[in-house]
Amino acid sequence: MLILAELLTNSYNKIGREQFYGGLMKKMNWLDWVAFILVIVGALNWGLVGFFSWDLVAAIFGDMSTASRVIYDLVGLGAVYMIIASMAKSE
């Protein structure tokens, strides 16, 4: 793992940020960023559920409360948006 991190760091330093990421971060609009953040939040929450049987969203907003359901809905919509956007950008 350390070797991989060093390899990525060296590659990043040699070719620069723009080429390393292939310009991906520069091409993201505000909706892409919102969807990306929502999917990261959902992934981290599922990681907590899987590893520790602890639901962060439910702990903050209540078990299946209206607020937690809205968060779950937004995460799901963000994932659907990212799937559609990635298919559209790959064409």
PDB file of N, CA and C in Angstrom:
ATOM      1  N   MET A   1       0.832  -1.192   0.000  1.00  0.00           N
ATOM      2  CA  MET A   1       0.000   0.000   0.000  1.00  0.00           C
ATOM      3  C   MET A   1       0.870   1.245   0.000  1.00  0.00           C
ATOM      4  N   LEU A   2       1.942   1.232   0.776  1.00  0.00           N
ATOM      5  CA  LEU A   2       2.851   2.365   0.829  1.00  0.00           C
ATOM      6  C   LEU A   2       3.532   2.570  -0.516  1.00  0.00           C
ATOM      7  N   ILE A   3       3.861   1.471  -1.190  1.00  0.00           N
ATOM      8  CA  ILE A   3       4.497   1.562  -2.506  1.00  0.00           C
ATOM      9  C   ILE A   3       3.536   2.214  -3.503  1.00  0.00           C
ATOM     10  N   LEU A   4       2.277   1.829  -3.458  1.00  0.00           N
ATOM     11  CA  LEU A   4       1.275   2.422  -4.350  1.00  0.00           C
ATOM     12  C   LEU A   4       1.138   3.919  -4.087  1.00  0.00           C
ATOM     13  N   ALA A   5       1.090   4.315  -2.826  1.00  0.00           N
ATOM     14  CA  ALA A   5       0.969   5.734  -2.483  1.00  0.00           C
ATOM     15  C   ALA A   5       2.188   6.514  -2.976  1.00  0.00           C
ATOM     16  N   GLU A   6       3.368   5.924  -2.832  1.00  0.00           N
ATOM     17  CA  GLU A   6       4.584   6.591  -3.298  1.00  0.00           C
ATOM     18  C   GLU A   6       4.598   6.704  -4.823  1.00  0.00           C
ATOM     19  N   LEU A   7       4.163   5.655  -5.498  1.00  0.00           N
ATOM     20  CA  LEU A   7       4.097   5.677  -6.955  1.00  0.00           C
ATOM     21  C   LEU A   7       3.136   6.756  -7.443  1.00  0.00           C
ATOM     22  N   LEU A   8       1.972   6.842  -6.823  1.00  0.00           N
ATOM     23  CA  LEU A   8       0.994   7.860  -7.210  1.00  0.00           C
ATOM     24  C   LEU A   8       1.512   9.266  -6.926  1.00  0.00           C
ATOM     25  N   THR A   9       2.187   9.443  -5.797  1.00  0.00           N
ATOM     26  CA  THR A   9       2.738  10.750  -5.452  1.00  0.00           C
ATOM     27  C   THR A   9       3.807  11.158  -6.443  1.00  0.00           C
ATOM     28  N   ASN A  10       4.690  10.221  -6.792  1.00  0.00           N
ATOM     29  CA  ASN A  10       5.731  10.528  -7.762  1.00  0.00           C
ATOM     30  C   ASN A  10       5.143  10.848  -9.124  1.00  0.00           C
ATOM     31  N   SER A  11       4.143  10.100  -9.550  1.00  0.00           N
ATOM     32  CA  SER A  11       3.486  10.364 -10.832  1.00  0.00           C
ATOM     33  C   SER A  11       2.827  11.737 -10.815  1.00  0.00           C
ATOM     34  N   TYR A  12       2.172  12.049  -9.724  1.00  0.00           N
ATOM     35  CA  TYR A  12       1.508  13.349  -9.585  1.00  0.00           C
ATOM     36  C   TYR A  12       2.523  14.476  -9.685  1.00  0.00           C
ATOM     37  N   ASN A  13       3.662  14.336  -9.001  1.00  0.00           N
ATOM     38  CA  ASN A  13       4.680  15.390  -8.998  1.00  0.00           C
ATOM     39  C   ASN A  13       5.342  15.549 -10.362  1.00  0.00           C
ATOM     40  N   LYS A  14       5.515  14.467 -11.096  1.00  0.00           N
ATOM     41  CA  LYS A  14       6.207  14.534 -12.384  1.00  0.00           C
ATOM     42  C   LYS A  14       5.359  15.139 -13.485  1.00  0.00           C
ATOM     43  N   ILE A  15       4.088  14.800 -13.546  1.00  0.00           N
ATOM     44  CA  ILE A  15       3.290  15.241 -14.691  1.00  0.00           C
ATOM     45  C   ILE A  15       2.328  16.372 -14.358  1.00  0.00           C
ATOM     46  N   GLY A  16       2.156  16.699 -13.115  1.00  0.00           N
ATOM     47  CA  GLY A  16       1.289  17.813 -12.743  1.00  0.00           C
ATOM     48  C   GLY A  16      -0.153  17.383 -12.509  1.00  0.00           C
ATOM     49  N   ARG A  17      -0.859  18.244 -11.806  1.00  0.00           N
ATOM     50  CA  ARG A  17      -2.225  17.932 -11.389  1.00  0.00           C
ATOM     51  C   ARG A  17      -3.164  17.746 -12.576  1.00  0.00           C
ATOM     52  N   GLU A  18      -3.102  18.631 -13.564  1.00  0.00           N
ATOM     53  CA  GLU A  18      -4.039  18.601 -14.689  1.00  0.00           C
ATOM     54  C   GLU A  18      -3.946  17.286 -15.452  1.00  0.00           C
ATOM     55  N   GLN A  19      -2.733  16.850 -15.777  1.00  0.00           N
ATOM     56  CA  GLN A  19      -2.571  15.608 -16.521  1.00  0.00           C
ATOM     57  C   GLN A  19      -2.833  14.389 -15.645  1.00  0.00           C
ATOM     58  N   PHE A  20      -2.469  14.457 -14.370  1.00  0.00           N
ATOM     59  CA  PHE A  20      -2.651  13.310 -13.468  1.00  0.00           C
ATOM     60  C   PHE A  20      -4.116  12.928 -13.350  1.00  0.00           C
ATOM     61  N   TYR A  21      -4.975  13.912 -13.183  1.00  0.00           N
ATOM     62  CA  TYR A  21      -6.408  13.648 -13.057  1.00  0.00           C
ATOM     63  C   TYR A  21      -7.113  13.615 -14.406  1.00  0.00           C
ATOM     64  N   GLY A  22      -6.374  13.829 -15.471  1.00  0.00           N
ATOM     65  CA  GLY A  22      -6.975  13.832 -16.788  1.00  0.00           C
ATOM     66  C   GLY A  22      -7.961  14.979 -16.973  1.00  0.00           C
ATOM     67  N   GLY A  23      -7.836  16.017 -16.170  1.00  0.00           N
ATOM     68  CA  GLY A  23      -8.732  17.155 -16.278  1.00  0.00           C
ATOM     69  C   GLY A  23     -10.123  16.879 -15.720  1.00  0.00           C
ATOM     70  N   LEU A  24     -10.334  15.734 -15.072  1.00  0.00           N
ATOM     71  CA  LEU A  24     -11.657  15.358 -14.578  1.00  0.00           C
ATOM     72  C   LEU A  24     -12.210  16.367 -13.589  1.00  0.00           C
ATOM     73  N   MET A  25     -11.411  16.760 -12.607  1.00  0.00           N
ATOM     74  CA  MET A  25     -11.900  17.668 -11.581  1.00  0.00           C
ATOM     75  C   MET A  25     -12.272  19.031 -12.170  1.00  0.00           C
ATOM     76  N   LYS A  26     -11.566  19.437 -13.212  1.00  0.00           N
ATOM     77  CA  LYS A  26     -11.864  20.716 -13.822  1.00  0.00           C
ATOM     78  C   LYS A  26     -13.177  20.685 -14.591  1.00  0.00           C
ATOM     79  N   LYS A  27     -13.569  19.525 -15.075  1.00  0.00           N
ATOM     80  CA  LYS A  27     -14.773  19.405 -15.889  1.00  0.00           C
ATOM     81  C   LYS A  27     -16.047  19.227 -15.063  1.00  0.00           C
ATOM     82  N   MET A  28     -15.926  19.097 -13.765  1.00  0.00           N
ATOM     83  CA  MET A  28     -17.104  18.867 -12.934  1.00  0.00           C
ATOM     84  C   MET A  28     -17.825  20.190 -12.664  1.00  0.00           C
ATOM     85  N   ASN A  29     -19.144  20.213 -12.900  1.00  0.00           N
ATOM     86  CA  ASN A  29     -19.940  21.389 -12.568  1.00  0.00           C
ATOM     87  C   ASN A  29     -20.470  21.249 -11.141  1.00  0.00           C
ATOM     88  N   TRP A  30     -21.266  22.219 -10.718  1.00  0.00           N
ATOM     89  CA  TRP A  30     -21.731  22.213  -9.320  1.00  0.00           C
ATOM     90  C   TRP A  30     -22.613  21.002  -9.021  1.00  0.00           C
ATOM     91  N   LEU A  31     -23.423  20.584  -9.979  1.00  0.00           N
ATOM     92  CA  LEU A  31     -24.298  19.434  -9.753  1.00  0.00           C
ATOM     93  C   LEU A  31     -23.484  18.139  -9.648  1.00  0.00           C
ATOM     94  N   ASP A  32     -22.428  18.043 -10.450  1.00  0.00           N
ATOM     95  CA  ASP A  32     -21.524  16.893 -10.342  1.00  0.00           C
ATOM     96  C   ASP A  32     -20.912  16.820  -8.945  1.00  0.00           C
ATOM     97  N   TRP A  33     -20.490  17.983  -8.432  1.00  0.00           N
ATOM     98  CA  TRP A  33     -19.882  18.020  -7.094  1.00  0.00           C
ATOM     99  C   TRP A  33     -20.880  17.635  -6.004  1.00  0.00           C
ATOM    100  N   VAL A  34     -22.098  18.138  -6.111  1.00  0.00           N
ATOM    101  CA  VAL A  34     -23.127  17.804  -5.113  1.00  0.00           C
ATOM    102  C   VAL A  34     -23.394  16.299  -5.123  1.00  0.00           C
ATOM    103  N   ALA A  35     -23.554  15.727  -6.321  1.00  0.00           N
ATOM    104  CA  ALA A  35     -23.797  14.290  -6.439  1.00  0.00           C
ATOM    105  C   ALA A  35     -22.615  13.503  -5.900  1.00  0.00           C
ATOM    106  N   PHE A  36     -21.400  13.950  -6.209  1.00  0.00           N
ATOM    107  CA  PHE A  36     -20.192  13.279  -5.736  1.00  0.00           C
ATOM    108  C   PHE A  36     -20.131  13.268  -4.207  1.00  0.00           C
ATOM    109  N   ILE A  37     -20.395  14.403  -3.596  1.00  0.00           N
ATOM    110  CA  ILE A  37     -20.365  14.497  -2.130  1.00  0.00           C
ATOM    111  C   ILE A  37     -21.453  13.625  -1.503  1.00  0.00           C
ATOM    112  N   LEU A  38     -22.648  13.633  -2.085  1.00  0.00           N
ATOM    113  CA  LEU A  38     -23.732  12.795  -1.560  1.00  0.00           C
ATOM    114  C   LEU A  38     -23.382  11.311  -1.638  1.00  0.00           C
ATOM    115  N   VAL A  39     -22.776  10.892  -2.733  1.00  0.00           N
ATOM    116  CA  VAL A  39     -22.405   9.480  -2.882  1.00  0.00           C
ATOM    117  C   VAL A  39     -21.295   9.116  -1.895  1.00  0.00           C
ATOM    118  N   ILE A  40     -20.359  10.018  -1.650  1.00  0.00           N
ATOM    119  CA  ILE A  40     -19.313   9.764  -0.653  1.00  0.00           C
ATOM    120  C   ILE A  40     -19.930   9.622   0.739  1.00  0.00           C
ATOM    121  N   VAL A  41     -20.863  10.505   1.071  1.00  0.00           N
ATOM    122  CA  VAL A  41     -21.545  10.415   2.372  1.00  0.00           C
ATOM    123  C   VAL A  41     -22.263   9.067   2.493  1.00  0.00           C
ATOM    124  N   GLY A  42     -22.967   8.671   1.433  1.00  0.00           N
ATOM    125  CA  GLY A  42     -23.664   7.385   1.461  1.00  0.00           C
ATOM    126  C   GLY A  42     -22.709   6.209   1.580  1.00  0.00           C
ATOM    127  N   ALA A  43     -21.598   6.274   0.866  1.00  0.00           N
ATOM    128  CA  ALA A  43     -20.618   5.186   0.928  1.00  0.00           C
ATOM    129  C   ALA A  43     -19.997   5.081   2.321  1.00  0.00           C
ATOM    130  N   LEU A  44     -19.664   6.216   2.901  1.00  0.00           N
ATOM    131  CA  LEU A  44     -19.112   6.193   4.265  1.00  0.00           C
ATOM    132  C   LEU A  44     -20.132   5.660   5.262  1.00  0.00           C
ATOM    133  N   ASN A  45     -21.388   6.049   5.098  1.00  0.00           N
ATOM    134  CA  ASN A  45     -22.431   5.559   5.994  1.00  0.00           C
ATOM    135  C   ASN A  45     -22.578   4.039   5.869  1.00  0.00           C
ATOM    136  N   TRP A  46     -22.573   3.520   4.623  1.00  0.00           N
ATOM    137  CA  TRP A  46     -22.673   2.073   4.437  1.00  0.00           C
ATOM    138  C   TRP A  46     -21.447   1.354   4.975  1.00  0.00           C
ATOM    139  N   GLY A  47     -20.285   1.995   4.876  1.00  0.00           N
ATOM    140  CA  GLY A  47     -19.085   1.413   5.479  1.00  0.00           C
ATOM    141  C   GLY A  47     -19.222   1.296   6.989  1.00  0.00           C
ATOM    142  N   LEU A  48     -19.773   2.332   7.619  1.00  0.00           N
ATOM    143  CA  LEU A  48     -20.008   2.281   9.070  1.00  0.00           C
ATOM    144  C   LEU A  48     -21.024   1.207   9.422  1.00  0.00           C
ATOM    145  N   VAL A  49     -22.063   1.069   8.615  1.00  0.00           N
ATOM    146  CA  VAL A  49     -23.070   0.028   8.859  1.00  0.00           C
ATOM    147  C   VAL A  49     -22.442  -1.349   8.719  1.00  0.00           C
ATOM    148  N   GLY A  50     -21.648  -1.533   7.672  1.00  0.00           N
ATOM    149  CA  GLY A  50     -21.055  -2.842   7.417  1.00  0.00           C
ATOM    150  C   GLY A  50     -20.011  -3.248   8.450  1.00  0.00           C
ATOM    151  N   PHE A  51     -19.140  -2.312   8.816  1.00  0.00           N
ATOM    152  CA  PHE A  51     -18.054  -2.649   9.731  1.00  0.00           C
ATOM    153  C   PHE A  51     -18.457  -2.595  11.203  1.00  0.00           C
ATOM    154  N   PHE A  52     -19.320  -1.658  11.552  1.00  0.00           N
ATOM    155  CA  PHE A  52     -19.615  -1.427  12.972  1.00  0.00           C
ATOM    156  C   PHE A  52     -21.087  -1.543  13.334  1.00  0.00           C
ATOM    157  N   SER A  53     -21.949  -1.883  12.371  1.00  0.00           N
ATOM    158  CA  SER A  53     -23.396  -1.953  12.594  1.00  0.00           C
ATOM    159  C   SER A  53     -23.922  -0.660  13.200  1.00  0.00           C
ATOM    160  N   TRP A  54     -23.421   0.462  12.685  1.00  0.00           N
ATOM    161  CA  TRP A  54     -23.815   1.768  13.197  1.00  0.00           C
ATOM    162  C   TRP A  54     -24.166   2.676  12.033  1.00  0.00           C
ATOM    163  N   ASP A  55     -25.380   3.190  12.023  1.00  0.00           N
ATOM    164  CA  ASP A  55     -25.882   4.049  10.958  1.00  0.00           C
ATOM    165  C   ASP A  55     -25.752   5.497  11.408  1.00  0.00           C
ATOM    166  N   LEU A  56     -24.805   6.224  10.818  1.00  0.00           N
ATOM    167  CA  LEU A  56     -24.553   7.611  11.205  1.00  0.00           C
ATOM    168  C   LEU A  56     -25.749   8.510  10.910  1.00  0.00           C
ATOM    169  N   VAL A  57     -26.371   8.331   9.772  1.00  0.00           N
ATOM    170  CA  VAL A  57     -27.528   9.164   9.409  1.00  0.00           C
ATOM    171  C   VAL A  57     -28.661   8.956  10.413  1.00  0.00           C
ATOM    172  N   ALA A  58     -28.921   7.711  10.764  1.00  0.00           N
ATOM    173  CA  ALA A  58     -29.970   7.430  11.753  1.00  0.00           C
ATOM    174  C   ALA A  58     -29.585   7.970  13.129  1.00  0.00           C
ATOM    175  N   ALA A  59     -28.299   7.925  13.466  1.00  0.00           N
ATOM    176  CA  ALA A  59     -27.857   8.441  14.764  1.00  0.00           C
ATOM    177  C   ALA A  59     -28.036   9.953  14.847  1.00  0.00           C
ATOM    178  N   ILE A  60     -27.840  10.648  13.735  1.00  0.00           N
ATOM    179  CA  ILE A  60     -27.961  12.106  13.738  1.00  0.00           C
ATOM    180  C   ILE A  60     -29.419  12.553  13.608  1.00  0.00           C
ATOM    181  N   PHE A  61     -30.150  11.952  12.669  1.00  0.00           N
ATOM    182  CA  PHE A  61     -31.492  12.440  12.338  1.00  0.00           C
ATOM    183  C   PHE A  61     -32.626  11.577  12.872  1.00  0.00           C
ATOM    184  N   GLY A  62     -32.322  10.434  13.458  1.00  0.00           N
ATOM    185  CA  GLY A  62     -33.361   9.547  13.959  1.00  0.00           C
ATOM    186  C   GLY A  62     -33.603   8.394  13.000  1.00  0.00           C
ATOM    187  N   ASP A  63     -33.974   7.273  13.559  1.00  0.00           N
ATOM    188  CA  ASP A  63     -34.181   6.060  12.766  1.00  0.00           C
ATOM    189  C   ASP A  63     -35.405   6.211  11.877  1.00  0.00           C
ATOM    190  N   MET A  64     -35.180   6.296  10.573  1.00  0.00           N
ATOM    191  CA  MET A  64     -36.217   6.440   9.539  1.00  0.00           C
ATOM    192  C   MET A  64     -37.139   7.636   9.790  1.00  0.00           C
ATOM    193  N   SER A  65     -36.568   8.708  10.328  1.00  0.00           N
ATOM    194  CA  SER A  65     -37.327   9.950  10.461  1.00  0.00           C
ATOM    195  C   SER A  65     -37.434  10.585   9.073  1.00  0.00           C
ATOM    196  N   THR A  66     -38.218  11.613   8.976  1.00  0.00           N
ATOM    197  CA  THR A  66     -38.381  12.300   7.695  1.00  0.00           C
ATOM    198  C   THR A  66     -37.037  12.841   7.202  1.00  0.00           C
ATOM    199  N   ALA A  67     -36.258  13.419   8.094  1.00  0.00           N
ATOM    200  CA  ALA A  67     -34.954  13.980   7.707  1.00  0.00           C
ATOM    201  C   ALA A  67     -34.003  12.889   7.215  1.00  0.00           C
ATOM    202  N   SER A  68     -33.962  11.763   7.914  1.00  0.00           N
ATOM    203  CA  SER A  68     -33.061  10.692   7.481  1.00  0.00           C
ATOM    204  C   SER A  68     -33.507  10.103   6.148  1.00  0.00           C
ATOM    205  N   ARG A  69     -34.805  10.011   5.943  1.00  0.00           N
ATOM    206  CA  ARG A  69     -35.302   9.505   4.654  1.00  0.00           C
ATOM    207  C   ARG A  69     -34.968  10.461   3.523  1.00  0.00           C
ATOM    208  N   VAL A  70     -35.012  11.768   3.793  1.00  0.00           N
ATOM    209  CA  VAL A  70     -34.618  12.749   2.777  1.00  0.00           C
ATOM    210  C   VAL A  70     -33.135  12.582   2.442  1.00  0.00           C
ATOM    211  N   ILE A  71     -32.303  12.386   3.450  1.00  0.00           N
ATOM    212  CA  ILE A  71     -30.865  12.162   3.213  1.00  0.00           C
ATOM    213  C   ILE A  71     -30.667  10.909   2.371  1.00  0.00           C
ATOM    214  N   TYR A  72     -31.320   9.818   2.728  1.00  0.00           N
ATOM    215  CA  TYR A  72     -31.198   8.583   1.955  1.00  0.00           C
ATOM    216  C   TYR A  72     -31.668   8.790   0.511  1.00  0.00           C
ATOM    217  N   ASP A  73     -32.758   9.519   0.336  1.00  0.00           N
ATOM    218  CA  ASP A  73     -33.270   9.804  -1.009  1.00  0.00           C
ATOM    219  C   ASP A  73     -32.272  10.617  -1.820  1.00  0.00           C
ATOM    220  N   LEU A  74     -31.689  11.637  -1.197  1.00  0.00           N
ATOM    221  CA  LEU A  74     -30.714  12.468  -1.894  1.00  0.00           C
ATOM    222  C   LEU A  74     -29.467  11.680  -2.290  1.00  0.00           C
ATOM    223  N   VAL A  75     -29.018  10.802  -1.408  1.00  0.00           N
ATOM    224  CA  VAL A  75     -27.866   9.955  -1.724  1.00  0.00           C
ATOM    225  C   VAL A  75     -28.190   9.048  -2.912  1.00  0.00           C
ATOM    226  N   GLY A  76     -29.365   8.464  -2.915  1.00  0.00           N
ATOM    227  CA  GLY A  76     -29.779   7.612  -4.029  1.00  0.00           C
ATOM    228  C   GLY A  76     -29.898   8.378  -5.332  1.00  0.00           C
ATOM    229  N   LEU A  77     -30.473   9.581  -5.275  1.00  0.00           N
ATOM    230  CA  LEU A  77     -30.582  10.410  -6.476  1.00  0.00           C
ATOM    231  C   LEU A  77     -29.206  10.845  -6.975  1.00  0.00           C
ATOM    232  N   GLY A  78     -28.297  11.124  -6.036  1.00  0.00           N
ATOM    233  CA  GLY A  78     -26.929  11.469  -6.420  1.00  0.00           C
ATOM    234  C   GLY A  78     -26.248  10.326  -7.143  1.00  0.00           C
ATOM    235  N   ALA A  79     -26.475   9.104  -6.677  1.00  0.00           N
ATOM    236  CA  ALA A  79     -25.891   7.934  -7.336  1.00  0.00           C
ATOM    237  C   ALA A  79     -26.463   7.742  -8.732  1.00  0.00           C
ATOM    238  N   VAL A  80     -27.774   7.894  -8.880  1.00  0.00           N
ATOM    239  CA  VAL A  80     -28.404   7.764 -10.198  1.00  0.00           C
ATOM    240  C   VAL A  80     -27.862   8.839 -11.142  1.00  0.00           C
ATOM    241  N   TYR A  81     -27.746  10.065 -10.641  1.00  0.00           N
ATOM    242  CA  TYR A  81     -27.204  11.150 -11.455  1.00  0.00           C
ATOM    243  C   TYR A  81     -25.779  10.828 -11.902  1.00  0.00           C
ATOM    244  N   MET A  82     -24.948  10.333 -10.989  1.00  0.00           N
ATOM    245  CA  MET A  82     -23.562  10.021 -11.338  1.00  0.00           C
ATOM    246  C   MET A  82     -23.492   8.906 -12.376  1.00  0.00           C
ATOM    247  N   ILE A  83     -24.364   7.919 -12.292  1.00  0.00           N
ATOM    248  CA  ILE A  83     -24.384   6.846 -13.280  1.00  0.00           C
ATOM    249  C   ILE A  83     -24.734   7.410 -14.654  1.00  0.00           C
ATOM    250  N   ILE A  84     -25.794   8.206 -14.708  1.00  0.00           N
ATOM    251  CA  ILE A  84     -26.223   8.778 -15.989  1.00  0.00           C
ATOM    252  C   ILE A  84     -25.165   9.740 -16.547  1.00  0.00           C
ATOM    253  N   ALA A  85     -24.606  10.575 -15.683  1.00  0.00           N
ATOM    254  CA  ALA A  85     -23.600  11.535 -16.134  1.00  0.00           C
ATOM    255  C   ALA A  85     -22.341  10.845 -16.623  1.00  0.00           C
ATOM    256  N   SER A  86     -21.929   9.778 -15.949  1.00  0.00           N
ATOM    257  CA  SER A  86     -20.715   9.065 -16.389  1.00  0.00           C
ATOM    258  C   SER A  86     -20.952   8.368 -17.720  1.00  0.00           C
ATOM    259  N   MET A  87     -22.152   7.864 -17.956  1.00  0.00           N
ATOM    260  CA  MET A  87     -22.444   7.240 -19.244  1.00  0.00           C
ATOM    261  C   MET A  87     -22.488   8.291 -20.349  1.00  0.00           C
ATOM    262  N   ALA A  88     -23.027   9.470 -20.046  1.00  0.00           N
ATOM    263  CA  ALA A  88     -23.107  10.532 -21.045  1.00  0.00           C
ATOM    264  C   ALA A  88     -21.727  11.085 -21.390  1.00  0.00           C
ATOM    265  N   LYS A  89     -20.851  11.190 -20.392  1.00  0.00           N
ATOM    266  CA  LYS A  89     -19.500  11.740 -20.622  1.00  0.00           C
ATOM    267  C   LYS A  89     -18.588  10.739 -21.311  1.00  0.00           C
ATOM    268  N   SER A  90     -18.888   9.468 -21.204  1.00  0.00           N
ATOM    269  CA  SER A  90     -18.031   8.465 -21.832  1.00  0.00           C
ATOM    270  C   SER A  90     -18.293   8.332 -23.324  1.00  0.00           C
ATOM    271  N   GLU A  91     -19.405   8.872 -23.780  1.00  0.00           N
ATOM    272  CA  GLU A  91     -19.743   8.778 -25.212  1.00  0.00           C
ATOM    273  C   GLU A  91     -19.059   9.832 -26.034  1.00  0.00           C
TER     274      GLU A  91
END
